[in-house]
Amino acid sequence: MISPERFLKEIQQPAKGKIVALGTIPADYVSGRPKVIFDGEQAASSRAYPYLANYTPAQGDRVELLLVGHTWVIQGKII
């Protein structure tokens, strides 16, 4: 279970003022919208994030995310 402090951090300041973030799709990802381990974090996000149609998420992928409105959108795999 996520702590109230971390939940508020993710809602209010998901990237500390940044609009682009990097992360990794966790090893337990199976299908659907993936959670992300943002760079600098040890655990996967409590939220699952949408992704662009031309990208298919996979376990261990390094991804770039763009802040759109109040959420992140996975732009694709970094190769």
N, C-alpha and C. Protein backbone atom coordinates (compact mmCIF):
# COMPACT_ATOMS: atom_id res chain seq x y z
N MET A 1 0.84 -1.18 0.00
CA MET A 1 0.00 0.00 0.00
C MET A 1 0.89 1.25 0.00
N ILE A 2 0.51 2.24 -0.74
CA ILE A 2 1.27 3.48 -0.86
C ILE A 2 0.96 4.40 0.33
N SER A 3 1.98 5.09 0.80
CA SER A 3 1.77 6.02 1.91
C SER A 3 1.02 7.26 1.42
N PRO A 4 0.28 7.90 2.31
CA PRO A 4 -0.42 9.13 1.92
C PRO A 4 0.53 10.21 1.41
N GLU A 5 1.73 10.27 1.99
CA GLU A 5 2.70 11.28 1.56
C GLU A 5 3.14 11.04 0.12
N ARG A 6 3.43 9.77 -0.22
CA ARG A 6 3.86 9.47 -1.59
C ARG A 6 2.72 9.69 -2.57
N PHE A 7 1.50 9.32 -2.19
CA PHE A 7 0.34 9.55 -3.04
C PHE A 7 0.20 11.03 -3.38
N LEU A 8 0.28 11.88 -2.36
CA LEU A 8 0.17 13.32 -2.60
C LEU A 8 1.31 13.82 -3.47
N LYS A 9 2.51 13.28 -3.27
CA LYS A 9 3.66 13.68 -4.09
C LYS A 9 3.40 13.34 -5.56
N GLU A 10 2.90 12.14 -5.82
CA GLU A 10 2.63 11.73 -7.20
C GLU A 10 1.53 12.56 -7.84
N ILE A 11 0.52 12.93 -7.06
CA ILE A 11 -0.59 13.72 -7.59
C ILE A 11 -0.18 15.16 -7.83
N GLN A 12 0.50 15.76 -6.86
CA GLN A 12 0.77 17.19 -6.90
C GLN A 12 2.04 17.55 -7.65
N GLN A 13 3.10 16.78 -7.51
CA GLN A 13 4.38 17.12 -8.13
C GLN A 13 5.05 15.86 -8.66
N PRO A 14 4.49 15.25 -9.69
CA PRO A 14 5.02 13.97 -10.15
C PRO A 14 6.45 14.03 -10.63
N ALA A 15 6.93 15.18 -11.07
CA ALA A 15 8.30 15.24 -11.57
C ALA A 15 9.04 16.47 -11.08
N LYS A 16 8.59 17.05 -10.00
CA LYS A 16 9.27 18.20 -9.42
C LYS A 16 9.49 19.30 -10.45
N GLY A 17 8.44 19.65 -11.21
CA GLY A 17 8.52 20.73 -12.17
C GLY A 17 8.97 20.33 -13.56
N LYS A 18 9.35 19.09 -13.77
CA LYS A 18 9.80 18.64 -15.08
C LYS A 18 8.60 18.22 -15.93
N ILE A 19 8.77 18.30 -17.24
CA ILE A 19 7.70 17.83 -18.13
C ILE A 19 8.09 16.56 -18.87
N VAL A 20 9.36 16.15 -18.77
CA VAL A 20 9.84 14.91 -19.37
C VAL A 20 10.50 14.10 -18.26
N ALA A 21 10.22 12.80 -18.24
CA ALA A 21 10.82 11.93 -17.24
C ALA A 21 11.25 10.62 -17.91
N LEU A 22 12.16 9.93 -17.24
CA LEU A 22 12.62 8.62 -17.70
C LEU A 22 12.28 7.59 -16.64
N GLY A 23 12.06 6.38 -17.09
CA GLY A 23 11.75 5.31 -16.15
C GLY A 23 11.90 3.95 -16.80
N THR A 24 11.52 2.93 -16.05
CA THR A 24 11.63 1.54 -16.50
C THR A 24 10.31 0.83 -16.21
N ILE A 25 9.88 0.01 -17.16
CA ILE A 25 8.70 -0.82 -16.96
C ILE A 25 9.11 -1.95 -16.01
N PRO A 26 8.38 -2.17 -14.91
CA PRO A 26 8.77 -3.20 -13.93
C PRO A 26 8.77 -4.61 -14.50
N ALA A 27 9.54 -5.48 -13.84
CA ALA A 27 9.67 -6.88 -14.26
C ALA A 27 8.37 -7.67 -14.12
N ASP A 28 7.43 -7.19 -13.31
CA ASP A 28 6.17 -7.93 -13.13
C ASP A 28 5.07 -7.48 -14.09
N TYR A 29 5.39 -6.60 -15.05
CA TYR A 29 4.40 -6.14 -16.03
C TYR A 29 3.96 -7.30 -16.92
N VAL A 30 2.63 -7.39 -17.14
CA VAL A 30 2.08 -8.45 -18.00
C VAL A 30 1.34 -7.86 -19.19
N SER A 31 0.37 -6.96 -18.93
CA SER A 31 -0.39 -6.38 -20.04
C SER A 31 -1.13 -5.14 -19.55
N GLY A 32 -1.73 -4.42 -20.51
CA GLY A 32 -2.47 -3.21 -20.18
C GLY A 32 -1.56 -2.02 -19.96
N ARG A 33 -2.08 -1.02 -19.28
CA ARG A 33 -1.27 0.16 -18.98
C ARG A 33 -0.24 -0.20 -17.92
N PRO A 34 1.03 0.06 -18.19
CA PRO A 34 2.06 -0.34 -17.23
C PRO A 34 2.28 0.71 -16.13
N LYS A 35 2.73 0.23 -15.00
CA LYS A 35 3.28 1.10 -13.98
C LYS A 35 4.71 1.39 -14.40
N VAL A 36 5.34 2.37 -13.77
CA VAL A 36 6.69 2.77 -14.15
C VAL A 36 7.52 2.97 -12.89
N ILE A 37 8.78 2.54 -12.93
CA ILE A 37 9.73 2.89 -11.89
C ILE A 37 10.47 4.12 -12.42
N PHE A 38 10.11 5.28 -11.92
CA PHE A 38 10.74 6.52 -12.37
C PHE A 38 12.20 6.55 -11.92
N ASP A 39 13.07 7.12 -12.73
CA ASP A 39 14.47 7.26 -12.35
C ASP A 39 14.56 7.97 -11.00
N GLY A 40 15.38 7.45 -10.12
CA GLY A 40 15.53 8.01 -8.79
C GLY A 40 14.61 7.39 -7.76
N GLU A 41 13.66 6.56 -8.19
CA GLU A 41 12.74 5.88 -7.29
C GLU A 41 13.13 4.40 -7.20
N GLN A 42 12.74 3.76 -6.11
CA GLN A 42 13.04 2.34 -5.92
C GLN A 42 11.86 1.43 -6.24
N ALA A 43 10.65 1.98 -6.13
CA ALA A 43 9.44 1.18 -6.33
C ALA A 43 8.65 1.69 -7.53
N ALA A 44 7.81 0.83 -8.05
CA ALA A 44 6.95 1.20 -9.17
C ALA A 44 5.90 2.21 -8.71
N SER A 45 5.46 3.02 -9.64
CA SER A 45 4.41 4.01 -9.36
C SER A 45 3.14 3.32 -8.92
N SER A 46 2.30 4.04 -8.21
CA SER A 46 1.01 3.46 -7.81
C SER A 46 0.02 3.51 -8.97
N ARG A 47 0.27 4.36 -9.92
CA ARG A 47 -0.60 4.51 -11.10
C ARG A 47 -0.04 3.74 -12.29
N ALA A 48 -0.93 3.38 -13.19
CA ALA A 48 -0.54 2.81 -14.47
C ALA A 48 -0.73 3.92 -15.51
N TYR A 49 0.14 3.98 -16.50
CA TYR A 49 0.16 5.11 -17.42
C TYR A 49 -0.18 4.70 -18.85
N PRO A 50 -0.88 5.59 -19.57
CA PRO A 50 -1.19 5.33 -20.98
C PRO A 50 0.09 5.46 -21.81
N TYR A 51 0.03 4.91 -23.01
CA TYR A 51 1.18 4.96 -23.92
C TYR A 51 0.69 5.18 -25.34
N LEU A 52 1.60 5.65 -26.19
CA LEU A 52 1.25 5.91 -27.58
C LEU A 52 1.00 4.60 -28.33
N ALA A 53 0.16 4.67 -29.35
CA ALA A 53 -0.27 3.48 -30.08
C ALA A 53 0.87 2.74 -30.78
N ASN A 54 1.93 3.44 -31.14
CA ASN A 54 3.03 2.78 -31.86
C ASN A 54 4.04 2.10 -30.93
N TYR A 55 3.78 2.08 -29.63
CA TYR A 55 4.67 1.45 -28.66
C TYR A 55 3.93 0.31 -27.96
N THR A 56 4.60 -0.82 -27.81
CA THR A 56 4.06 -1.94 -27.05
C THR A 56 4.94 -2.14 -25.82
N PRO A 57 4.41 -1.88 -24.61
CA PRO A 57 5.23 -2.00 -23.40
C PRO A 57 5.72 -3.43 -23.18
N ALA A 58 6.92 -3.53 -22.61
CA ALA A 58 7.49 -4.84 -22.25
C ALA A 58 8.30 -4.68 -20.97
N GLN A 59 8.39 -5.76 -20.23
CA GLN A 59 9.16 -5.76 -18.99
C GLN A 59 10.58 -5.27 -19.24
N GLY A 60 11.05 -4.38 -18.39
CA GLY A 60 12.43 -3.92 -18.47
C GLY A 60 12.70 -2.81 -19.46
N ASP A 61 11.70 -2.40 -20.24
CA ASP A 61 11.92 -1.31 -21.19
C ASP A 61 12.26 -0.01 -20.47
N ARG A 62 13.27 0.69 -20.97
CA ARG A 62 13.54 2.06 -20.53
C ARG A 62 12.64 2.94 -21.37
N VAL A 63 11.89 3.83 -20.74
CA VAL A 63 10.92 4.63 -21.46
C VAL A 63 11.05 6.11 -21.13
N GLU A 64 10.59 6.92 -22.08
CA GLU A 64 10.48 8.36 -21.88
C GLU A 64 9.00 8.67 -21.68
N LEU A 65 8.72 9.55 -20.71
CA LEU A 65 7.34 9.95 -20.41
C LEU A 65 7.22 11.45 -20.54
N LEU A 66 6.08 11.90 -20.98
CA LEU A 66 5.79 13.32 -21.13
C LEU A 66 4.62 13.66 -20.22
N LEU A 67 4.75 14.74 -19.46
CA LEU A 67 3.66 15.18 -18.59
C LEU A 67 2.61 15.88 -19.46
N VAL A 68 1.40 15.33 -19.46
CA VAL A 68 0.30 15.86 -20.25
C VAL A 68 -0.87 16.08 -19.29
N GLY A 69 -1.23 17.33 -19.07
CA GLY A 69 -2.27 17.62 -18.08
C GLY A 69 -1.78 17.25 -16.70
N HIS A 70 -2.49 16.32 -16.07
CA HIS A 70 -2.14 15.89 -14.72
C HIS A 70 -1.61 14.46 -14.67
N THR A 71 -1.19 13.93 -15.80
CA THR A 71 -0.67 12.57 -15.82
C THR A 71 0.50 12.46 -16.78
N TRP A 72 1.16 11.34 -16.74
CA TRP A 72 2.26 11.04 -17.65
C TRP A 72 1.74 10.18 -18.79
N VAL A 73 2.33 10.37 -19.97
CA VAL A 73 2.04 9.51 -21.12
C VAL A 73 3.37 8.95 -21.59
N ILE A 74 3.45 7.62 -21.69
CA ILE A 74 4.67 6.97 -22.16
C ILE A 74 4.81 7.22 -23.64
N GLN A 75 5.94 7.82 -24.04
CA GLN A 75 6.17 8.16 -25.44
C GLN A 75 6.77 7.00 -26.22
N GLY A 76 7.51 6.14 -25.54
CA GLY A 76 8.10 5.00 -26.22
C GLY A 76 9.35 4.51 -25.53
N LYS A 77 9.92 3.47 -26.10
CA LYS A 77 11.12 2.83 -25.56
C LYS A 77 12.36 3.61 -25.97
N ILE A 78 13.29 3.72 -25.05
CA ILE A 78 14.58 4.34 -25.35
C ILE A 78 15.54 3.22 -25.75
N ILE A 79 16.12 3.35 -26.95
CA ILE A 79 17.05 2.30 -27.41
C ILE A 79 18.42 2.89 -27.67
